[in-house]
Amino acid sequence: MMKSLLAATVLLGLGSAAFGASAVNKDAEPRTLIVTEGGSKSELSLAGGETVEFCSSGCFVTMPNGDREALTGSETIEISGGVARIK
């Protein structure tokens, strides 16, 4: 019984690690988001039409216009016309 409970917990933990926020660039031009996760900053470049999954456990994102938003890891950022919106 205890082994089954432990196995189920591990599987749930692995399954939730695969999910995260996503960013969709609906523009033809590349766009860049600045992602701060766990105290470390990185640039997330999205080519035109590209969708990327990131930020599985919460992060801050600086949008192309300079706005900064906190994400929990379940949001979708949609970039269209150079403007990013959280959905």
N, C-alpha and C. Protein backbone atom coordinates (compact mmCIF):
# COMPACT_ATOMS: atom_id res chain seq x y z
N MET A 1 0.83 -1.19 0.00
CA MET A 1 0.00 0.00 0.00
C MET A 1 0.87 1.25 0.00
N MET A 2 1.90 1.26 0.83
CA MET A 2 2.77 2.43 0.93
C MET A 2 3.54 2.64 -0.37
N LYS A 3 3.95 1.55 -1.04
CA LYS A 3 4.66 1.66 -2.30
C LYS A 3 3.76 2.28 -3.37
N SER A 4 2.51 1.89 -3.40
CA SER A 4 1.57 2.44 -4.37
C SER A 4 1.36 3.93 -4.15
N LEU A 5 1.24 4.32 -2.90
CA LEU A 5 1.06 5.74 -2.57
C LEU A 5 2.29 6.54 -2.97
N LEU A 6 3.46 6.01 -2.71
CA LEU A 6 4.71 6.68 -3.06
C LEU A 6 4.84 6.79 -4.58
N ALA A 7 4.52 5.73 -5.30
CA ALA A 7 4.61 5.75 -6.76
C ALA A 7 3.63 6.77 -7.35
N ALA A 8 2.44 6.85 -6.81
CA ALA A 8 1.45 7.82 -7.30
C ALA A 8 1.92 9.25 -7.05
N THR A 9 2.53 9.48 -5.91
CA THR A 9 3.04 10.82 -5.58
C THR A 9 4.15 11.21 -6.54
N VAL A 10 5.05 10.29 -6.83
CA VAL A 10 6.15 10.58 -7.76
C VAL A 10 5.61 10.87 -9.15
N LEU A 11 4.66 10.08 -9.61
CA LEU A 11 4.08 10.30 -10.94
C LEU A 11 3.36 11.64 -11.03
N LEU A 12 2.64 12.02 -9.99
CA LEU A 12 1.98 13.32 -9.99
C LEU A 12 2.99 14.44 -10.02
N GLY A 13 4.06 14.28 -9.28
CA GLY A 13 5.12 15.29 -9.27
C GLY A 13 5.79 15.43 -10.62
N LEU A 14 6.04 14.32 -11.29
CA LEU A 14 6.64 14.37 -12.61
C LEU A 14 5.68 14.96 -13.63
N GLY A 15 4.44 14.64 -13.52
CA GLY A 15 3.45 15.15 -14.46
C GLY A 15 3.27 16.64 -14.35
N SER A 16 3.27 17.18 -13.16
CA SER A 16 3.08 18.62 -12.99
C SER A 16 4.32 19.41 -13.40
N ALA A 17 5.48 18.79 -13.37
CA ALA A 17 6.69 19.49 -13.77
C ALA A 17 6.72 19.78 -15.26
N ALA A 18 5.94 19.04 -16.04
CA ALA A 18 5.93 19.22 -17.48
C ALA A 18 5.09 20.42 -17.90
N PHE A 19 4.26 20.93 -17.02
CA PHE A 19 3.40 22.04 -17.36
C PHE A 19 4.05 23.36 -16.98
N GLY A 20 3.75 24.39 -17.71
CA GLY A 20 4.27 25.69 -17.39
C GLY A 20 3.53 26.75 -18.17
N ALA A 21 3.96 27.97 -18.00
CA ALA A 21 3.39 29.06 -18.78
C ALA A 21 3.84 28.87 -20.23
N SER A 22 3.10 29.47 -21.14
CA SER A 22 3.51 29.41 -22.54
C SER A 22 3.45 30.81 -23.14
N ALA A 23 4.24 31.01 -24.16
CA ALA A 23 4.26 32.28 -24.88
C ALA A 23 4.07 31.97 -26.36
N VAL A 24 3.16 32.71 -27.00
CA VAL A 24 2.86 32.54 -28.41
C VAL A 24 3.15 33.85 -29.11
N ASN A 25 4.01 33.81 -30.12
CA ASN A 25 4.30 35.01 -30.91
C ASN A 25 3.50 34.94 -32.20
N LYS A 26 2.43 35.72 -32.28
CA LYS A 26 1.57 35.73 -33.47
C LYS A 26 2.07 36.71 -34.53
N ASP A 27 3.14 37.44 -34.21
CA ASP A 27 3.73 38.37 -35.16
C ASP A 27 4.67 37.63 -36.11
N ALA A 28 5.00 38.28 -37.22
CA ALA A 28 5.97 37.71 -38.16
C ALA A 28 7.40 37.98 -37.70
N GLU A 29 7.59 39.06 -36.92
CA GLU A 29 8.92 39.42 -36.43
C GLU A 29 9.22 38.70 -35.13
N PRO A 30 10.50 38.45 -34.86
CA PRO A 30 10.86 37.84 -33.58
C PRO A 30 10.60 38.81 -32.42
N ARG A 31 10.25 38.28 -31.27
CA ARG A 31 10.02 39.07 -30.06
C ARG A 31 10.81 38.43 -28.93
N THR A 32 11.17 39.24 -27.93
CA THR A 32 11.95 38.76 -26.80
C THR A 32 11.27 39.09 -25.49
N LEU A 33 11.21 38.10 -24.61
CA LEU A 33 10.73 38.28 -23.24
C LEU A 33 11.93 38.08 -22.32
N ILE A 34 11.97 38.82 -21.23
CA ILE A 34 13.01 38.63 -20.21
C ILE A 34 12.35 37.85 -19.07
N VAL A 35 12.89 36.68 -18.76
CA VAL A 35 12.31 35.81 -17.74
C VAL A 35 13.24 35.76 -16.54
N THR A 36 12.69 36.06 -15.36
CA THR A 36 13.45 35.95 -14.11
C THR A 36 12.83 34.82 -13.30
N GLU A 37 13.60 33.76 -13.13
CA GLU A 37 13.11 32.57 -12.43
C GLU A 37 14.19 32.10 -11.47
N GLY A 38 13.82 32.01 -10.19
CA GLY A 38 14.79 31.57 -9.20
C GLY A 38 15.99 32.50 -9.07
N GLY A 39 15.78 33.81 -9.26
CA GLY A 39 16.85 34.77 -9.13
C GLY A 39 17.76 34.88 -10.34
N SER A 40 17.47 34.15 -11.39
CA SER A 40 18.31 34.17 -12.58
C SER A 40 17.52 34.71 -13.77
N LYS A 41 18.11 35.68 -14.48
CA LYS A 41 17.46 36.29 -15.65
C LYS A 41 17.94 35.63 -16.92
N SER A 42 17.00 35.46 -17.88
CA SER A 42 17.37 34.96 -19.19
C SER A 42 16.45 35.56 -20.23
N GLU A 43 16.95 35.63 -21.46
CA GLU A 43 16.14 36.13 -22.56
C GLU A 43 15.48 34.95 -23.25
N LEU A 44 14.20 35.11 -23.52
CA LEU A 44 13.43 34.09 -24.22
C LEU A 44 13.04 34.69 -25.56
N SER A 45 13.72 34.28 -26.62
CA SER A 45 13.44 34.80 -27.96
C SER A 45 12.46 33.89 -28.67
N LEU A 46 11.44 34.51 -29.23
CA LEU A 46 10.42 33.75 -29.97
C LEU A 46 10.42 34.22 -31.42
N ALA A 47 10.61 33.29 -32.32
CA ALA A 47 10.53 33.61 -33.75
C ALA A 47 9.07 33.85 -34.11
N GLY A 48 8.84 34.46 -35.25
CA GLY A 48 7.47 34.67 -35.70
C GLY A 48 6.69 33.37 -35.79
N GLY A 49 5.53 33.33 -35.17
CA GLY A 49 4.69 32.13 -35.18
C GLY A 49 5.08 31.05 -34.18
N GLU A 50 6.11 31.25 -33.41
CA GLU A 50 6.61 30.23 -32.48
C GLU A 50 5.85 30.24 -31.16
N THR A 51 5.69 29.06 -30.57
CA THR A 51 5.13 28.89 -29.23
C THR A 51 6.17 28.19 -28.37
N VAL A 52 6.38 28.71 -27.16
CA VAL A 52 7.38 28.15 -26.25
C VAL A 52 6.75 27.97 -24.88
N GLU A 53 7.07 26.86 -24.21
CA GLU A 53 6.63 26.62 -22.85
C GLU A 53 7.81 26.89 -21.91
N PHE A 54 7.54 27.56 -20.80
CA PHE A 54 8.60 27.94 -19.85
C PHE A 54 7.96 28.16 -18.49
N CYS A 55 8.75 28.49 -17.49
CA CYS A 55 8.26 28.94 -16.18
C CYS A 55 7.32 27.92 -15.52
N SER A 56 7.84 26.77 -15.20
CA SER A 56 7.00 25.72 -14.62
C SER A 56 6.64 25.95 -13.16
N SER A 57 7.40 26.80 -12.46
CA SER A 57 7.10 26.97 -11.03
C SER A 57 7.00 28.42 -10.60
N GLY A 58 6.60 29.29 -11.50
CA GLY A 58 6.46 30.70 -11.18
C GLY A 58 7.69 31.50 -11.56
N CYS A 59 7.45 32.71 -12.07
CA CYS A 59 8.55 33.57 -12.48
C CYS A 59 8.02 34.98 -12.72
N PHE A 60 8.93 35.89 -13.02
CA PHE A 60 8.58 37.23 -13.46
C PHE A 60 8.96 37.34 -14.92
N VAL A 61 8.12 38.03 -15.70
CA VAL A 61 8.39 38.21 -17.12
C VAL A 61 8.32 39.69 -17.45
N THR A 62 9.36 40.18 -18.14
CA THR A 62 9.34 41.54 -18.66
C THR A 62 8.91 41.46 -20.11
N MET A 63 7.80 42.13 -20.41
CA MET A 63 7.19 42.09 -21.74
C MET A 63 7.97 42.98 -22.71
N PRO A 64 7.70 42.84 -24.03
CA PRO A 64 8.40 43.66 -25.01
C PRO A 64 8.27 45.18 -24.78
N ASN A 65 7.17 45.62 -24.17
CA ASN A 65 6.99 47.06 -23.93
C ASN A 65 7.57 47.51 -22.58
N GLY A 66 8.19 46.58 -21.82
CA GLY A 66 8.82 46.93 -20.55
C GLY A 66 7.99 46.62 -19.32
N ASP A 67 6.70 46.30 -19.49
CA ASP A 67 5.87 45.92 -18.35
C ASP A 67 6.39 44.61 -17.75
N ARG A 68 6.29 44.51 -16.42
CA ARG A 68 6.74 43.30 -15.72
C ARG A 68 5.55 42.65 -15.04
N GLU A 69 5.40 41.35 -15.23
CA GLU A 69 4.28 40.60 -14.67
C GLU A 69 4.79 39.36 -13.93
N ALA A 70 4.09 38.98 -12.87
CA ALA A 70 4.39 37.74 -12.15
C ALA A 70 3.50 36.64 -12.72
N LEU A 71 4.11 35.49 -13.00
CA LEU A 71 3.37 34.33 -13.50
C LEU A 71 3.45 33.19 -12.50
N THR A 72 2.39 32.41 -12.42
CA THR A 72 2.38 31.24 -11.54
C THR A 72 2.81 29.98 -12.29
N GLY A 73 2.78 30.03 -13.61
CA GLY A 73 3.18 28.87 -14.41
C GLY A 73 2.03 28.27 -15.19
N SER A 74 0.85 28.85 -15.14
CA SER A 74 -0.28 28.29 -15.88
C SER A 74 -0.83 29.24 -16.94
N GLU A 75 -0.21 30.41 -17.09
CA GLU A 75 -0.71 31.43 -18.01
C GLU A 75 -0.20 31.22 -19.43
N THR A 76 -0.86 31.91 -20.36
CA THR A 76 -0.38 31.98 -21.74
C THR A 76 -0.18 33.46 -22.08
N ILE A 77 1.00 33.77 -22.56
CA ILE A 77 1.30 35.12 -23.04
C ILE A 77 1.14 35.09 -24.55
N GLU A 78 0.30 35.97 -25.06
CA GLU A 78 0.07 36.05 -26.50
C GLU A 78 0.63 37.39 -26.98
N ILE A 79 1.55 37.33 -27.93
CA ILE A 79 2.15 38.54 -28.48
C ILE A 79 1.56 38.76 -29.88
N SER A 80 0.95 39.93 -30.06
CA SER A 80 0.35 40.28 -31.34
C SER A 80 0.47 41.78 -31.54
N GLY A 81 1.00 42.18 -32.70
CA GLY A 81 1.19 43.60 -32.95
C GLY A 81 2.24 44.21 -32.04
N GLY A 82 3.17 43.41 -31.55
CA GLY A 82 4.21 43.90 -30.65
C GLY A 82 3.76 44.07 -29.21
N VAL A 83 2.49 43.73 -28.92
CA VAL A 83 1.93 43.88 -27.58
C VAL A 83 1.69 42.49 -26.98
N ALA A 84 2.13 42.30 -25.74
CA ALA A 84 1.93 41.03 -25.05
C ALA A 84 0.73 41.12 -24.12
N ARG A 85 -0.10 40.10 -24.14
CA ARG A 85 -1.26 40.01 -23.26
C ARG A 85 -1.24 38.65 -22.56
N ILE A 86 -1.61 38.67 -21.29
CA ILE A 86 -1.70 37.42 -20.53
C ILE A 86 -3.12 36.90 -20.62
N LYS A 87 -3.24 35.64 -20.98
CA LYS A 87 -4.58 35.02 -21.11
C LYS A 87 -4.68 33.85 -20.18
